[in-house]
Structure formats: C-alpha cells, structure tokens
Amino acid sequence: MSAEIVTMLGVGGTLLASGGTFALFLLRLIGRLEDNFGRLQDRFDRLEEKVDELARDHQALAREFSEFRGEVRARLVDLPVGSAAR
C-alpha cells in the first residue's frame, strides 16, 4: 500500500470514530434533555393542581363571605332606628 492510501484510511477511520463519538454525545444529551423536560412537566402538573385547589378554596370562601355579609345586613336592618349597636 502506498502512503497516500494509508493516510486516507487513517483519516477516514479517525473521521468515523469522531463522528460516532459525537453521535453518542448527542444521544446522551437528548436523553438528559428528555429527562429534564419530564421532571419539569411533573413539577408543572403539581403546581397546576395546587393552583386549582387554591381556586376552589377561594370560591368556597367567597360564597361563605357573601352569606356572612347577607346575614350582617339582615341583622342591621332588624335593629331599631335609634338604638346604638354595641
């Protein structure tokens, strides 16, 4: 074999090896990104559940406050005009 052929085979082998190494690096990087996105999605889902729970609590408290306000108004109307509420 001539020196040119040996050089071309060496360069080709080096290119194949570096390309394979780069491909493995990209595959590992993509795998890590998918894991991170999965964890992020889980955290987002938990946060969404908490926000929904807070919204339900807010609605329940708003209903109770509205009922309380109605009761207070009804009691204030029942007081005699000249009485001092203490």
C-alpha atoms as a PDB file:
ATOM      1  CA  MET A   1       0.000   0.000   0.000  1.00  0.00           C
ATOM      2  CA  SER A   2       1.118   3.444  -0.764  1.00  0.00           C
ATOM      3  CA  ALA A   3       1.480   6.126   1.847  1.00  0.00           C
ATOM      4  CA  GLU A   4      -1.475   8.077   0.421  1.00  0.00           C
ATOM      5  CA  ILE A   5      -3.839   5.127   0.846  1.00  0.00           C
ATOM      6  CA  VAL A   6      -2.674   4.508   4.405  1.00  0.00           C
ATOM      7  CA  THR A   7      -3.127   8.205   5.179  1.00  0.00           C
ATOM      8  CA  MET A   8      -6.627   8.254   3.640  1.00  0.00           C
ATOM      9  CA  LEU A   9      -7.633   5.134   5.595  1.00  0.00           C
ATOM     10  CA  GLY A  10      -6.283   6.662   8.799  1.00  0.00           C
ATOM     11  CA  VAL A  11      -8.089   9.938   8.204  1.00  0.00           C
ATOM     12  CA  GLY A  12     -11.309   8.081   7.297  1.00  0.00           C
ATOM     13  CA  GLY A  13     -11.098   5.931  10.425  1.00  0.00           C
ATOM     14  CA  THR A  14     -10.481   8.992  12.551  1.00  0.00           C
ATOM     15  CA  LEU A  15     -13.460  10.773  11.000  1.00  0.00           C
ATOM     16  CA  LEU A  16     -15.710   7.746  11.578  1.00  0.00           C
ATOM     17  CA  ALA A  17     -14.580   7.427  15.183  1.00  0.00           C
ATOM     18  CA  SER A  18     -15.041  11.129  15.930  1.00  0.00           C
ATOM     19  CA  GLY A  19     -18.436  11.124  14.184  1.00  0.00           C
ATOM     20  CA  GLY A  20     -19.538   8.120  16.227  1.00  0.00           C
ATOM     21  CA  THR A  21     -18.339   9.736  19.419  1.00  0.00           C
ATOM     22  CA  PHE A  22     -20.211  12.932  18.561  1.00  0.00           C
ATOM     23  CA  ALA A  23     -23.361  10.930  17.763  1.00  0.00           C
ATOM     24  CA  LEU A  24     -23.173   9.171  21.147  1.00  0.00           C
ATOM     25  CA  PHE A  25     -22.655  12.530  22.848  1.00  0.00           C
ATOM     26  CA  LEU A  26     -25.766  13.937  21.128  1.00  0.00           C
ATOM     27  CA  LEU A  27     -27.831  10.882  22.066  1.00  0.00           C
ATOM     28  CA  ARG A  28     -26.853  11.212  25.729  1.00  0.00           C
ATOM     29  CA  LEU A  29     -27.571  14.940  25.623  1.00  0.00           C
ATOM     30  CA  ILE A  30     -31.015  14.353  24.091  1.00  0.00           C
ATOM     31  CA  GLY A  31     -31.737  11.715  26.735  1.00  0.00           C
ATOM     32  CA  ARG A  32     -30.832  14.116  29.521  1.00  0.00           C
ATOM     33  CA  LEU A  33     -32.972  16.853  27.997  1.00  0.00           C
ATOM     34  CA  GLU A  34     -35.946  14.493  27.775  1.00  0.00           C
ATOM     35  CA  ASP A  35     -35.475  13.534  31.445  1.00  0.00           C
ATOM     36  CA  ASN A  36     -35.288  17.194  32.453  1.00  0.00           C
ATOM     37  CA  PHE A  37     -38.410  18.020  30.455  1.00  0.00           C
ATOM     38  CA  GLY A  38     -40.198  15.083  32.078  1.00  0.00           C
ATOM     39  CA  ARG A  39     -39.304  16.335  35.538  1.00  0.00           C
ATOM     40  CA  LEU A  40     -40.316  19.863  34.577  1.00  0.00           C
ATOM     41  CA  GLN A  41     -43.675  18.579  33.308  1.00  0.00           C
ATOM     42  CA  ASP A  42     -44.236  16.721  36.605  1.00  0.00           C
ATOM     43  CA  ARG A  43     -43.485  19.872  38.586  1.00  0.00           C
ATOM     44  CA  PHE A  44     -45.800  21.900  36.352  1.00  0.00           C
ATOM     45  CA  ASP A  45     -48.591  19.357  36.852  1.00  0.00           C
ATOM     46  CA  ARG A  46     -48.204  19.517  40.646  1.00  0.00           C
ATOM     47  CA  LEU A  47     -48.206  23.311  40.528  1.00  0.00           C
ATOM     48  CA  GLU A  48     -51.319  23.287  38.363  1.00  0.00           C
ATOM     49  CA  GLU A  49     -53.075  21.029  40.887  1.00  0.00           C
ATOM     50  CA  LYS A  50     -52.151  23.416  43.720  1.00  0.00           C
ATOM     51  CA  VAL A  51     -53.480  26.410  41.796  1.00  0.00           C
ATOM     52  CA  ASP A  52     -56.725  24.562  41.083  1.00  0.00           C
ATOM     53  CA  GLU A  53     -57.056  23.711  44.785  1.00  0.00           C
ATOM     54  CA  LEU A  54     -56.474  27.341  45.738  1.00  0.00           C
ATOM     55  CA  ALA A  55     -59.121  28.447  43.240  1.00  0.00           C
ATOM     56  CA  ARG A  56     -61.623  26.010  44.764  1.00  0.00           C
ATOM     57  CA  ASP A  57     -60.798  27.295  48.258  1.00  0.00           C
ATOM     58  CA  HIS A  58     -61.198  30.880  47.065  1.00  0.00           C
ATOM     59  CA  GLN A  59     -64.606  30.141  45.569  1.00  0.00           C
ATOM     60  CA  ALA A  60     -65.773  28.430  48.759  1.00  0.00           C
ATOM     61  CA  LEU A  61     -64.566  31.333  50.917  1.00  0.00           C
ATOM     62  CA  ALA A  62     -66.179  33.859  48.602  1.00  0.00           C
ATOM     63  CA  ARG A  63     -69.530  32.061  48.965  1.00  0.00           C
ATOM     64  CA  GLU A  64     -69.203  31.961  52.755  1.00  0.00           C
ATOM     65  CA  PHE A  65     -68.233  35.634  52.902  1.00  0.00           C
ATOM     66  CA  SER A  66     -71.214  36.542  50.738  1.00  0.00           C
ATOM     67  CA  GLU A  67     -73.535  34.624  53.066  1.00  0.00           C
ATOM     68  CA  PHE A  68     -71.969  36.320  56.095  1.00  0.00           C
ATOM     69  CA  ARG A  69     -72.397  39.750  54.523  1.00  0.00           C
ATOM     70  CA  GLY A  70     -76.070  38.979  53.838  1.00  0.00           C
ATOM     71  CA  GLU A  71     -76.608  37.896  57.444  1.00  0.00           C
ATOM     72  CA  VAL A  72     -74.964  41.055  58.775  1.00  0.00           C
ATOM     73  CA  ARG A  73     -77.098  43.252  56.521  1.00  0.00           C
ATOM     74  CA  ALA A  74     -80.237  41.428  57.608  1.00  0.00           C
ATOM     75  CA  ARG A  75     -79.376  41.907  61.278  1.00  0.00           C
ATOM     76  CA  LEU A  76     -78.568  45.587  60.798  1.00  0.00           C
ATOM     77  CA  VAL A  77     -81.942  46.131  59.156  1.00  0.00           C
ATOM     78  CA  ASP A  78     -83.659  44.468  62.149  1.00  0.00           C
ATOM     79  CA  LEU A  79     -82.140  46.963  64.629  1.00  0.00           C
ATOM     80  CA  PRO A  80     -84.384  49.815  65.765  1.00  0.00           C
ATOM     81  CA  VAL A  81     -83.519  53.156  64.234  1.00  0.00           C
ATOM     82  CA  GLY A  82     -82.474  54.957  67.436  1.00  0.00           C
ATOM     83  CA  SER A  83     -80.600  52.093  69.082  1.00  0.00           C
ATOM     84  CA  ALA A  84     -76.854  52.142  69.462  1.00  0.00           C
ATOM     85  CA  ALA A  85     -75.308  48.829  68.453  1.00  0.00           C
ATOM     86  CA  ARG A  86     -72.576  47.971  70.936  1.00  0.00           C
END
